[in-house]
């Protein structure tokens, strides 16, 4: 059973072949990072570090406006 009140993930992880993919999924906020996103990304990168099936990691942003401009990093 799914919970329709569950918020969508702000960072989505997937694997395509030997590529680990991270999708920042906050298009309304120009994919600005949150503390929760940074924590989730760090945990995933740690898992991928010991996974020999991952050779490359690609980070992209949802929507058409941008990818994490950097001001959010200062806030973190």
PDB file of N, CA and C in Angstrom:
ATOM      1  N   UNK A   1       0.847  -1.181   0.000  1.00  0.00           N
ATOM      2  CA  UNK A   1       0.000   0.000   0.000  1.00  0.00           C
ATOM      3  C   UNK A   1       0.890   1.240   0.000  1.00  0.00           C
ATOM      4  N   UNK A   2       0.560   2.204  -0.824  1.00  0.00           N
ATOM      5  CA  UNK A   2       1.339   3.436  -0.881  1.00  0.00           C
ATOM      6  C   UNK A   2       0.634   4.531  -0.103  1.00  0.00           C
ATOM      7  N   UNK A   3       1.420   5.473   0.365  1.00  0.00           N
ATOM      8  CA  UNK A   3       0.894   6.609   1.102  1.00  0.00           C
ATOM      9  C   UNK A   3       0.933   7.816   0.172  1.00  0.00           C
ATOM     10  N   UNK A   4      -0.228   8.308  -0.220  1.00  0.00           N
ATOM     11  CA  UNK A   4      -0.291   9.439  -1.151  1.00  0.00           C
ATOM     12  C   UNK A   4       0.219  10.733  -0.542  1.00  0.00           C
ATOM     13  N   UNK A   5       0.427  10.749   0.780  1.00  0.00           N
ATOM     14  CA  UNK A   5       0.921  11.953   1.442  1.00  0.00           C
ATOM     15  C   UNK A   5       2.443  11.994   1.527  1.00  0.00           C
ATOM     16  N   UNK A   6       3.118  10.964   1.018  1.00  0.00           N
ATOM     17  CA  UNK A   6       4.570  10.935   1.047  1.00  0.00           C
ATOM     18  C   UNK A   6       5.114  11.961   0.064  1.00  0.00           C
ATOM     19  N   UNK A   7       5.963  12.867   0.549  1.00  0.00           N
ATOM     20  CA  UNK A   7       6.509  13.866  -0.383  1.00  0.00           C
ATOM     21  C   UNK A   7       7.457  13.196  -1.379  1.00  0.00           C
ATOM     22  N   UNK A   8       7.559  13.743  -2.574  1.00  0.00           N
ATOM     23  CA  UNK A   8       8.486  13.157  -3.550  1.00  0.00           C
ATOM     24  C   UNK A   8       9.931  13.335  -3.078  1.00  0.00           C
ATOM     25  N   UNK A   9      10.782  12.417  -3.471  1.00  0.00           N
ATOM     26  CA  UNK A   9      12.195  12.497  -3.099  1.00  0.00           C
ATOM     27  C   UNK A   9      12.828  13.739  -3.728  1.00  0.00           C
ATOM     28  N   UNK A  10      13.675  14.414  -2.974  1.00  0.00           N
ATOM     29  CA  UNK A  10      14.373  15.597  -3.492  1.00  0.00           C
ATOM     30  C   UNK A  10      15.628  15.216  -4.260  1.00  0.00           C
ATOM     31  N   UNK A  11      16.134  14.022  -4.028  1.00  0.00           N
ATOM     32  CA  UNK A  11      17.278  13.488  -4.765  1.00  0.00           C
ATOM     33  C   UNK A  11      16.920  12.057  -5.146  1.00  0.00           C
ATOM     34  N   UNK A  12      16.990  11.765  -6.437  1.00  0.00           N
ATOM     35  CA  UNK A  12      16.606  10.452  -6.947  1.00  0.00           C
ATOM     36  C   UNK A  12      17.863   9.772  -7.490  1.00  0.00           C
ATOM     37  N   UNK A  13      18.070   8.530  -7.089  1.00  0.00           N
ATOM     38  CA  UNK A  13      19.269   7.790  -7.479  1.00  0.00           C
ATOM     39  C   UNK A  13      18.887   6.633  -8.383  1.00  0.00           C
ATOM     40  N   UNK A  14      19.708   6.432  -9.407  1.00  0.00           N
ATOM     41  CA  UNK A  14      19.473   5.309 -10.307  1.00  0.00           C
ATOM     42  C   UNK A  14      20.812   4.870 -10.890  1.00  0.00           C
ATOM     43  N   UNK A  15      20.772   3.737 -11.583  1.00  0.00           N
ATOM     44  CA  UNK A  15      21.968   3.236 -12.245  1.00  0.00           C
ATOM     45  C   UNK A  15      21.606   2.867 -13.672  1.00  0.00           C
ATOM     46  N   UNK A  16      22.412   3.337 -14.606  1.00  0.00           N
ATOM     47  CA  UNK A  16      22.260   2.997 -16.015  1.00  0.00           C
ATOM     48  C   UNK A  16      23.598   2.439 -16.470  1.00  0.00           C
ATOM     49  N   UNK A  17      23.662   1.139 -16.647  1.00  0.00           N
ATOM     50  CA  UNK A  17      24.934   0.509 -16.977  1.00  0.00           C
ATOM     51  C   UNK A  17      25.934   0.742 -15.863  1.00  0.00           C
ATOM     52  N   UNK A  18      27.084   1.318 -16.187  1.00  0.00           N
ATOM     53  CA  UNK A  18      28.130   1.586 -15.198  1.00  0.00           C
ATOM     54  C   UNK A  18      28.063   3.011 -14.648  1.00  0.00           C
ATOM     55  N   UNK A  19      26.976   3.696 -14.946  1.00  0.00           N
ATOM     56  CA  UNK A  19      26.798   5.087 -14.538  1.00  0.00           C
ATOM     57  C   UNK A  19      25.793   5.196 -13.388  1.00  0.00           C
ATOM     58  N   UNK A  20      26.236   5.775 -12.263  1.00  0.00           N
ATOM     59  CA  UNK A  20      25.328   6.125 -11.183  1.00  0.00           C
ATOM     60  C   UNK A  20      24.771   7.512 -11.485  1.00  0.00           C
ATOM     61  N   UNK A  21      23.464   7.650 -11.387  1.00  0.00           N
ATOM     62  CA  UNK A  21      22.841   8.931 -11.707  1.00  0.00           C
ATOM     63  C   UNK A  21      22.173   9.512 -10.468  1.00  0.00           C
ATOM     64  N   UNK A  22      22.385  10.810 -10.278  1.00  0.00           N
ATOM     65  CA  UNK A  22      21.740  11.559  -9.201  1.00  0.00           C
ATOM     66  C   UNK A  22      20.915  12.652  -9.859  1.00  0.00           C
ATOM     67  N   UNK A  23      19.632  12.653  -9.601  1.00  0.00           N
ATOM     68  CA  UNK A  23      18.740  13.692 -10.121  1.00  0.00           C
ATOM     69  C   UNK A  23      18.291  14.563  -8.958  1.00  0.00           C
ATOM     70  N   UNK A  24      18.687  15.835  -8.998  1.00  0.00           N
ATOM     71  CA  UNK A  24      18.198  16.800  -8.014  1.00  0.00           C
ATOM     72  C   UNK A  24      16.780  17.159  -8.432  1.00  0.00           C
ATOM     73  N   UNK A  25      15.831  16.928  -7.562  1.00  0.00           N
ATOM     74  CA  UNK A  25      14.428  17.029  -7.962  1.00  0.00           C
ATOM     75  C   UNK A  25      13.676  18.095  -7.174  1.00  0.00           C
ATOM     76  N   UNK A  26      14.135  19.335  -7.299  1.00  0.00           N
ATOM     77  CA  UNK A  26      13.453  20.493  -6.719  1.00  0.00           C
ATOM     78  C   UNK A  26      13.388  21.586  -7.771  1.00  0.00           C
ATOM     79  N   UNK A  27      12.714  21.333  -8.889  1.00  0.00           N
ATOM     80  CA  UNK A  27      12.738  22.302  -9.992  1.00  0.00           C
ATOM     81  C   UNK A  27      12.175  23.672  -9.623  1.00  0.00           C
ATOM     82  N   UNK A  28      11.218  23.734  -8.714  1.00  0.00           N
ATOM     83  CA  UNK A  28      10.655  25.034  -8.332  1.00  0.00           C
ATOM     84  C   UNK A  28      11.655  25.889  -7.568  1.00  0.00           C
ATOM     85  N   UNK A  29      12.647  25.227  -6.960  1.00  0.00           N
ATOM     86  CA  UNK A  29      13.683  25.941  -6.207  1.00  0.00           C
ATOM     87  C   UNK A  29      15.009  25.927  -6.971  1.00  0.00           C
ATOM     88  N   UNK A  30      14.931  25.755  -8.293  1.00  0.00           N
ATOM     89  CA  UNK A  30      16.110  25.675  -9.161  1.00  0.00           C
ATOM     90  C   UNK A  30      17.088  24.613  -8.634  1.00  0.00           C
ATOM     91  N   UNK A  31      16.508  23.545  -8.084  1.00  0.00           N
ATOM     92  CA  UNK A  31      17.256  22.391  -7.584  1.00  0.00           C
ATOM     93  C   UNK A  31      18.259  22.731  -6.488  1.00  0.00           C
ATOM     94  N   UNK A  32      17.936  23.755  -5.706  1.00  0.00           N
ATOM     95  CA  UNK A  32      18.791  24.128  -4.582  1.00  0.00           C
ATOM     96  C   UNK A  32      18.883  22.958  -3.606  1.00  0.00           C
ATOM     97  N   UNK A  33      20.087  22.741  -3.100  1.00  0.00           N
ATOM     98  CA  UNK A  33      20.316  21.645  -2.167  1.00  0.00           C
ATOM     99  C   UNK A  33      19.758  21.959  -0.786  1.00  0.00           C
ATOM    100  N   UNK A  34      19.262  20.929  -0.138  1.00  0.00           N
ATOM    101  CA  UNK A  34      18.851  21.003   1.262  1.00  0.00           C
ATOM    102  C   UNK A  34      19.798  20.112   2.055  1.00  0.00           C
ATOM    103  N   UNK A  35      19.784  20.252   3.357  1.00  0.00           N
ATOM    104  CA  UNK A  35      20.622  19.405   4.196  1.00  0.00           C
ATOM    105  C   UNK A  35      20.273  17.933   3.984  1.00  0.00           C
ATOM    106  N   UNK A  36      18.993  17.630   3.866  1.00  0.00           N
ATOM    107  CA  UNK A  36      18.563  16.259   3.631  1.00  0.00           C
ATOM    108  C   UNK A  36      19.093  15.700   2.317  1.00  0.00           C
ATOM    109  N   UNK A  37      19.114  16.533   1.287  1.00  0.00           N
ATOM    110  CA  UNK A  37      19.653  16.103   0.001  1.00  0.00           C
ATOM    111  C   UNK A  37      21.148  15.815   0.100  1.00  0.00           C
ATOM    112  N   UNK A  38      21.883  16.700   0.768  1.00  0.00           N
ATOM    113  CA  UNK A  38      23.324  16.517   0.915  1.00  0.00           C
ATOM    114  C   UNK A  38      23.610  15.219   1.664  1.00  0.00           C
ATOM    115  N   UNK A  39      22.858  14.959   2.716  1.00  0.00           N
ATOM    116  CA  UNK A  39      23.031  13.727   3.492  1.00  0.00           C
ATOM    117  C   UNK A  39      22.751  12.497   2.637  1.00  0.00           C
ATOM    118  N   UNK A  40      21.633  12.518   1.902  1.00  0.00           N
ATOM    119  CA  UNK A  40      21.270  11.383   1.051  1.00  0.00           C
ATOM    120  C   UNK A  40      22.299  11.155  -0.053  1.00  0.00           C
ATOM    121  N   UNK A  41      22.785  12.228  -0.656  1.00  0.00           N
ATOM    122  CA  UNK A  41      23.788  12.117  -1.721  1.00  0.00           C
ATOM    123  C   UNK A  41      25.084  11.557  -1.157  1.00  0.00           C
ATOM    124  N   UNK A  42      25.513  12.026  -0.001  1.00  0.00           N
ATOM    125  CA  UNK A  42      26.753  11.526   0.611  1.00  0.00           C
ATOM    126  C   UNK A  42      26.633  10.031   0.912  1.00  0.00           C
ATOM    127  N   UNK A  43      25.490   9.609   1.421  1.00  0.00           N
ATOM    128  CA  UNK A  43      25.276   8.192   1.717  1.00  0.00           C
ATOM    129  C   UNK A  43      25.317   7.356   0.439  1.00  0.00           C
ATOM    130  N   UNK A  44      24.686   7.851  -0.630  1.00  0.00           N
ATOM    131  CA  UNK A  44      24.683   7.111  -1.890  1.00  0.00           C
ATOM    132  C   UNK A  44      26.077   7.049  -2.492  1.00  0.00           C
ATOM    133  N   UNK A  45      26.807   8.154  -2.458  1.00  0.00           N
ATOM    134  CA  UNK A  45      28.165   8.152  -2.992  1.00  0.00           C
ATOM    135  C   UNK A  45      29.055   7.170  -2.231  1.00  0.00           C
ATOM    136  N   UNK A  46      28.861   7.063  -0.926  1.00  0.00           N
ATOM    137  CA  UNK A  46      29.616   6.097  -0.128  1.00  0.00           C
ATOM    138  C   UNK A  46      29.302   4.670  -0.574  1.00  0.00           C
ATOM    139  N   UNK A  47      28.021   4.381  -0.827  1.00  0.00           N
ATOM    140  CA  UNK A  47      27.654   3.044  -1.316  1.00  0.00           C
ATOM    141  C   UNK A  47      28.281   2.783  -2.681  1.00  0.00           C
ATOM    142  N   UNK A  48      28.203   3.751  -3.573  1.00  0.00           N
ATOM    143  CA  UNK A  48      28.748   3.583  -4.919  1.00  0.00           C
ATOM    144  C   UNK A  48      30.270   3.449  -4.903  1.00  0.00           C
ATOM    145  N   UNK A  49      30.927   4.060  -3.931  1.00  0.00           N
ATOM    146  CA  UNK A  49      32.387   4.007  -3.853  1.00  0.00           C
ATOM    147  C   UNK A  49      32.880   2.566  -3.768  1.00  0.00           C
ATOM    148  N   UNK A  50      32.148   1.722  -3.080  1.00  0.00           N
ATOM    149  CA  UNK A  50      32.574   0.329  -2.935  1.00  0.00           C
ATOM    150  C   UNK A  50      31.859  -0.606  -3.911  1.00  0.00           C
ATOM    151  N   UNK A  51      31.133  -0.054  -4.863  1.00  0.00           N
ATOM    152  CA  UNK A  51      30.391  -0.836  -5.852  1.00  0.00           C
ATOM    153  C   UNK A  51      31.182  -0.839  -7.164  1.00  0.00           C
ATOM    154  N   UNK A  52      31.768  -1.960  -7.493  1.00  0.00           N
ATOM    155  CA  UNK A  52      32.611  -2.024  -8.692  1.00  0.00           C
ATOM    156  C   UNK A  52      31.809  -1.896  -9.988  1.00  0.00           C
ATOM    157  N   UNK A  53      30.485  -1.963  -9.909  1.00  0.00           N
ATOM    158  CA  UNK A  53      29.677  -1.807 -11.129  1.00  0.00           C
ATOM    159  C   UNK A  53      29.482  -0.336 -11.507  1.00  0.00           C
ATOM    160  N   UNK A  54      29.856   0.585 -10.613  1.00  0.00           N
ATOM    161  CA  UNK A  54      29.738   2.022 -10.888  1.00  0.00           C
ATOM    162  C   UNK A  54      31.108   2.573 -11.255  1.00  0.00           C
ATOM    163  N   UNK A  55      31.191   3.169 -12.427  1.00  0.00           N
ATOM    164  CA  UNK A  55      32.446   3.763 -12.889  1.00  0.00           C
ATOM    165  C   UNK A  55      32.374   5.287 -12.907  1.00  0.00           C
ATOM    166  N   UNK A  56      31.185   5.821 -13.176  1.00  0.00           N
ATOM    167  CA  UNK A  56      30.988   7.256 -13.340  1.00  0.00           C
ATOM    168  C   UNK A  56      29.722   7.674 -12.606  1.00  0.00           C
ATOM    169  N   UNK A  57      29.712   8.899 -12.103  1.00  0.00           N
ATOM    170  CA  UNK A  57      28.508   9.458 -11.479  1.00  0.00           C
ATOM    171  C   UNK A  57      28.150  10.737 -12.215  1.00  0.00           C
ATOM    172  N   UNK A  58      26.882  10.863 -12.572  1.00  0.00           N
ATOM    173  CA  UNK A  58      26.372  12.046 -13.259  1.00  0.00           C
ATOM    174  C   UNK A  58      25.315  12.689 -12.371  1.00  0.00           C
ATOM    175  N   UNK A  59      25.419  14.001 -12.180  1.00  0.00           N
ATOM    176  CA  UNK A  59      24.422  14.749 -11.411  1.00  0.00           C
ATOM    177  C   UNK A  59      23.693  15.668 -12.377  1.00  0.00           C
ATOM    178  N   UNK A  60      22.373  15.620 -12.346  1.00  0.00           N
ATOM    179  CA  UNK A  60      21.575  16.498 -13.196  1.00  0.00           C
ATOM    180  C   UNK A  60      20.417  17.052 -12.370  1.00  0.00           C
ATOM    181  N   UNK A  61      19.765  18.059 -12.921  1.00  0.00           N
ATOM    182  CA  UNK A  61      18.657  18.705 -12.231  1.00  0.00           C
ATOM    183  C   UNK A  61      17.362  18.559 -12.991  1.00  0.00           C
ATOM    184  N   UNK A  62      16.275  18.426 -12.265  1.00  0.00           N
ATOM    185  CA  UNK A  62      14.956  18.333 -12.872  1.00  0.00           C
ATOM    186  C   UNK A  62      14.527  19.707 -13.376  1.00  0.00           C
ATOM    187  N   UNK A  63      13.696  19.709 -14.397  1.00  0.00           N
ATOM    188  CA  UNK A  63      13.174  20.959 -14.932  1.00  0.00           C
ATOM    189  C   UNK A  63      14.131  21.585 -15.922  1.00  0.00           C
ATOM    190  N   UNK A  64      13.784  22.781 -16.346  1.00  0.00           N
ATOM    191  CA  UNK A  64      14.549  23.455 -17.389  1.00  0.00           C
ATOM    192  C   UNK A  64      15.304  24.688 -16.899  1.00  0.00           C
ATOM    193  N   UNK A  65      15.167  25.045 -15.635  1.00  0.00           N
ATOM    194  CA  UNK A  65      15.701  26.327 -15.174  1.00  0.00           C
ATOM    195  C   UNK A  65      17.137  26.295 -14.721  1.00  0.00           C
ATOM    196  N   UNK A  66      17.630  25.202 -14.186  1.00  0.00           N
ATOM    197  CA  UNK A  66      19.006  25.236 -13.715  1.00  0.00           C
ATOM    198  C   UNK A  66      19.363  24.085 -12.820  1.00  0.00           C
ATOM    199  N   UNK A  67      20.610  24.083 -12.428  1.00  0.00           N
ATOM    200  CA  UNK A  67      21.145  23.040 -11.562  1.00  0.00           C
ATOM    201  C   UNK A  67      21.871  23.692 -10.406  1.00  0.00           C
ATOM    202  N   UNK A  68      21.247  23.777  -9.274  1.00  0.00           N
ATOM    203  CA  UNK A  68      21.896  24.159  -8.017  1.00  0.00           C
ATOM    204  C   UNK A  68      22.926  25.273  -8.228  1.00  0.00           C
ATOM    205  N   UNK A  69      22.518  26.506  -8.148  1.00  0.00           N
ATOM    206  CA  UNK A  69      23.369  27.653  -8.488  1.00  0.00           C
ATOM    207  C   UNK A  69      24.520  27.902  -7.529  1.00  0.00           C
ATOM    208  N   UNK A  70      24.448  27.433  -6.314  1.00  0.00           N
ATOM    209  CA  UNK A  70      25.571  27.586  -5.394  1.00  0.00           C
ATOM    210  C   UNK A  70      25.270  28.397  -4.153  1.00  0.00           C
ATOM    211  N   UNK A  71      24.342  29.324  -4.227  1.00  0.00           N
ATOM    212  CA  UNK A  71      23.991  30.122  -3.039  1.00  0.00           C
ATOM    213  C   UNK A  71      23.453  29.246  -1.921  1.00  0.00           C
ATOM    214  N   UNK A  72      22.827  28.150  -2.286  1.00  0.00           N
ATOM    215  CA  UNK A  72      22.292  27.214  -1.285  1.00  0.00           C
ATOM    216  C   UNK A  72      23.418  26.551  -0.511  1.00  0.00           C
ATOM    217  N   UNK A  73      24.564  26.353  -1.137  1.00  0.00           N
ATOM    218  CA  UNK A  73      25.710  25.738  -0.463  1.00  0.00           C
ATOM    219  C   UNK A  73      26.180  26.630   0.677  1.00  0.00           C
ATOM    220  N   UNK A  74      26.197  27.917   0.460  1.00  0.00           N
ATOM    221  CA  UNK A  74      26.604  28.857   1.503  1.00  0.00           C
ATOM    222  C   UNK A  74      25.662  28.734   2.694  1.00  0.00           C
ATOM    223  N   UNK A  75      24.369  28.570   2.420  1.00  0.00           N
ATOM    224  CA  UNK A  75      23.387  28.431   3.482  1.00  0.00           C
ATOM    225  C   UNK A  75      23.534  27.164   4.296  1.00  0.00           C
ATOM    226  N   UNK A  76      24.053  26.117   3.655  1.00  0.00           N
ATOM    227  CA  UNK A  76      24.232  24.863   4.371  1.00  0.00           C
ATOM    228  C   UNK A  76      25.417  24.952   5.298  1.00  0.00           C
TER     229      UNK A  76
END
